[in-house]
Protein backbone atom coordinates (compact mmCIF):
# COMPACT_ATOMS: atom_id res chain seq x y z
CA MET A 1 -19.37 29.86 -18.26
CA GLU A 2 -16.86 30.89 -15.62
CA GLN A 3 -13.65 28.81 -15.56
CA PHE A 4 -11.08 28.28 -12.83
CA GLU A 5 -7.59 26.87 -12.60
CA VAL A 6 -6.93 23.83 -10.39
CA ILE A 7 -3.26 23.19 -9.58
CA PHE A 8 -1.88 20.14 -7.76
CA LEU A 9 1.54 20.77 -6.16
CA ASP A 10 3.95 18.48 -4.40
CA ASP A 11 4.66 19.36 -0.77
CA ASP A 12 7.60 21.54 -1.78
CA ASN A 13 4.90 24.05 -2.92
CA GLU A 14 6.70 24.40 -6.28
CA THR A 15 6.57 21.17 -8.27
CA VAL A 16 3.40 21.10 -10.39
CA LEU A 17 2.02 17.56 -10.53
CA ASP A 18 -1.16 18.38 -12.47
CA LYS A 19 -2.88 21.51 -13.76
CA GLN A 20 -6.45 21.64 -15.03
CA THR A 21 -9.08 24.15 -16.09
CA ALA A 22 -12.58 23.51 -14.76
CA ASN A 23 -15.97 25.12 -15.16
CA LYS A 24 -17.66 26.58 -12.10
CA GLY A 25 -19.36 23.78 -10.15
CA ASP A 26 -17.42 20.97 -11.86
CA ARG A 27 -15.98 18.08 -9.89
CA VAL A 28 -12.23 17.68 -10.50
CA GLU A 29 -10.07 14.58 -10.02
CA TYR A 30 -6.29 14.41 -9.98
CA LYS A 31 -5.07 12.93 -13.29
CA GLY A 32 -1.34 12.69 -12.65
CA LYS A 33 0.88 9.90 -11.37
CA LYS A 34 0.46 9.12 -7.65
CA PRO A 35 2.77 11.50 -5.76
CA GLU A 36 5.91 9.94 -4.33
CA LYS A 37 8.61 11.26 -2.06
CA ALA A 38 11.99 9.58 -1.63
CA PRO A 39 12.85 8.17 1.81
CA GLU A 40 15.34 10.18 3.89
CA ASN A 41 17.13 9.36 7.14
CA GLN A 42 15.24 6.08 7.75
CA ILE A 43 11.88 7.80 7.13
CA LYS A 44 9.49 6.66 4.41
CA TYR A 45 6.83 9.04 3.07
CA VAL A 46 3.37 7.78 2.08
CA PHE A 47 1.00 9.96 0.05
CA VAL A 48 -2.34 10.37 1.89
CA GLY A 49 -4.23 13.04 -0.04
CA TRP A 50 -4.41 16.76 -0.72
CA THR A 51 -4.89 19.93 1.28
CA ASN A 52 -8.27 21.54 0.47
CA GLU A 53 -9.40 18.23 -1.07
CA GLU A 54 -13.05 19.02 -0.26
CA LYS A 55 -12.95 21.87 -2.82
CA LEU A 56 -12.59 19.33 -5.64
CA ASP A 57 -16.27 18.32 -5.32
CA SER A 58 -17.49 21.65 -6.72
CA ILE A 59 -14.98 24.15 -8.08
CA GLN A 60 -15.97 27.70 -7.13
CA GLU A 61 -12.61 29.48 -7.47
CA ASN A 62 -8.98 28.96 -8.47
CA VAL A 63 -7.68 26.18 -6.24
CA THR A 64 -4.17 25.08 -5.36
CA LEU A 65 -3.85 21.72 -3.64
CA ILE A 66 -0.70 20.47 -1.96
CA ALA A 67 0.23 16.81 -1.56
CA LYS A 68 0.09 15.49 2.01
CA TYR A 69 2.35 12.70 3.23
CA GLU A 70 2.46 10.60 6.39
CA THR A 71 5.78 9.33 7.65
CA GLU A 72 6.80 5.81 8.55
CA VAL A 73 10.08 4.88 10.19
CA LEU A 74 11.96 2.34 8.11
CA MET A 75 13.28 -0.70 9.94
CA ASN A 76 16.71 -2.19 9.54
CA PRO A 77 16.71 -5.84 8.33
CA LEU A 78 16.98 -7.24 11.86
CA GLU A 79 14.08 -5.13 13.15
CA GLU A 80 11.99 -6.05 10.12
CA ALA A 81 12.70 -9.77 10.58
CA PHE A 82 11.80 -9.53 14.27
CA TYR A 83 8.63 -7.60 13.45
CA ASN A 84 7.53 -10.15 10.82
CA ALA A 85 8.34 -13.07 13.12
CA THR A 86 6.40 -11.37 15.92
CA LEU A 87 3.34 -11.13 13.69
CA GLU A 88 3.60 -14.78 12.70
CA THR A 89 4.13 -15.91 16.29
CA ALA A 90 1.23 -13.78 17.50
CA LYS A 91 -0.97 -15.58 14.98
CA SER A 92 0.06 -18.87 16.57
CA ALA A 93 -0.65 -17.39 20.03
CA ASP A 94 2.77 -17.55 21.74
CA ILE A 95 3.84 -13.93 21.98
CA ASN A 96 5.96 -14.52 25.12
CA THR A 97 8.32 -16.79 23.21
CA THR A 98 8.73 -14.13 20.55
CA MET A 99 9.40 -11.39 23.10
CA GLN A 100 12.01 -13.52 24.86
CA ALA A 101 13.62 -14.30 21.51
CA GLY A 102 13.64 -10.61 20.64
CA GLN A 103 15.35 -9.70 23.90
CA LYS A 104 18.08 -12.25 23.20
CA ILE A 105 18.58 -10.91 19.69
CA VAL A 106 18.69 -7.26 20.78
CA GLY A 107 21.30 -8.19 23.41
CA GLN A 108 23.59 -9.47 20.69
CA LEU A 109 23.37 -6.71 18.06
CA LYS A 110 27.11 -6.07 18.03
CA ALA A 111 27.81 -9.74 17.39
CA LEU A 112 25.33 -9.71 14.51
CA GLU A 113 27.59 -7.37 12.58
CA LYS A 114 30.02 -10.29 12.22
CA GLU A 115 27.28 -12.85 11.52
CA THR A 116 26.91 -14.39 8.05
CA ARG A 117 23.33 -15.64 8.41
CA SER A 118 20.40 -13.45 7.40
CA PRO A 119 18.33 -11.79 10.12
CA GLU A 120 15.42 -14.05 9.15
CA GLU A 121 17.52 -17.19 9.72
CA ILE A 122 18.63 -15.95 13.13
CA VAL A 123 15.13 -14.98 14.25
CA ASN A 124 13.73 -18.31 13.07
CA ALA A 125 16.46 -20.20 14.95
CA VAL A 126 15.63 -18.31 18.15
CA LEU A 127 11.92 -18.97 17.71
CA LYS A 128 12.54 -22.66 17.07
CA ASP A 129 15.05 -23.37 19.85
CA GLY A 130 14.46 -20.46 22.24
CA LYS A 131 18.13 -19.52 21.85
CA VAL A 132 20.82 -19.17 19.23
CA GLU A 133 24.55 -18.74 19.53
CA ILE A 134 25.71 -15.81 17.51
CA ALA A 135 29.02 -14.97 19.14
CA PRO A 136 30.84 -15.86 22.33
CA GLU A 137 29.48 -13.87 25.31
CA LYS A 138 32.77 -12.01 25.81
CA ASP A 139 32.43 -10.45 22.30
CA VAL A 140 28.96 -9.12 22.99
CA GLU A 141 28.58 -5.60 24.37
CA ARG A 142 25.58 -5.16 26.62
């Protein structure tokens, strides 16, 4: 029976993640650890599959597959807190309050650098009271 080589590479086209020999017509599945790529410059990489993945259903030749990743922009803690609070507020149906709170928070980013409370505490205070004092107005750059 005719045999073929199936190679799974990371997206650098060099790092071998898995290598198998398969008979003609066999179905092949990746047997290695789920590919991962370290975040860089506030970008997270999420593995989404392989190039030529359809060829795995019935091997007819030597096949090299390359990992595919989608990118996600990582949020800083303040953005993440605002995002999570927005989702929670949207569930309770008052998105306008959240948007107003977000505008107040964004307007005081410089002052937040001096703040000792966590972003979650600040966002929750804004959502609860509609405002929060972070720093005197004169210290805030707009």
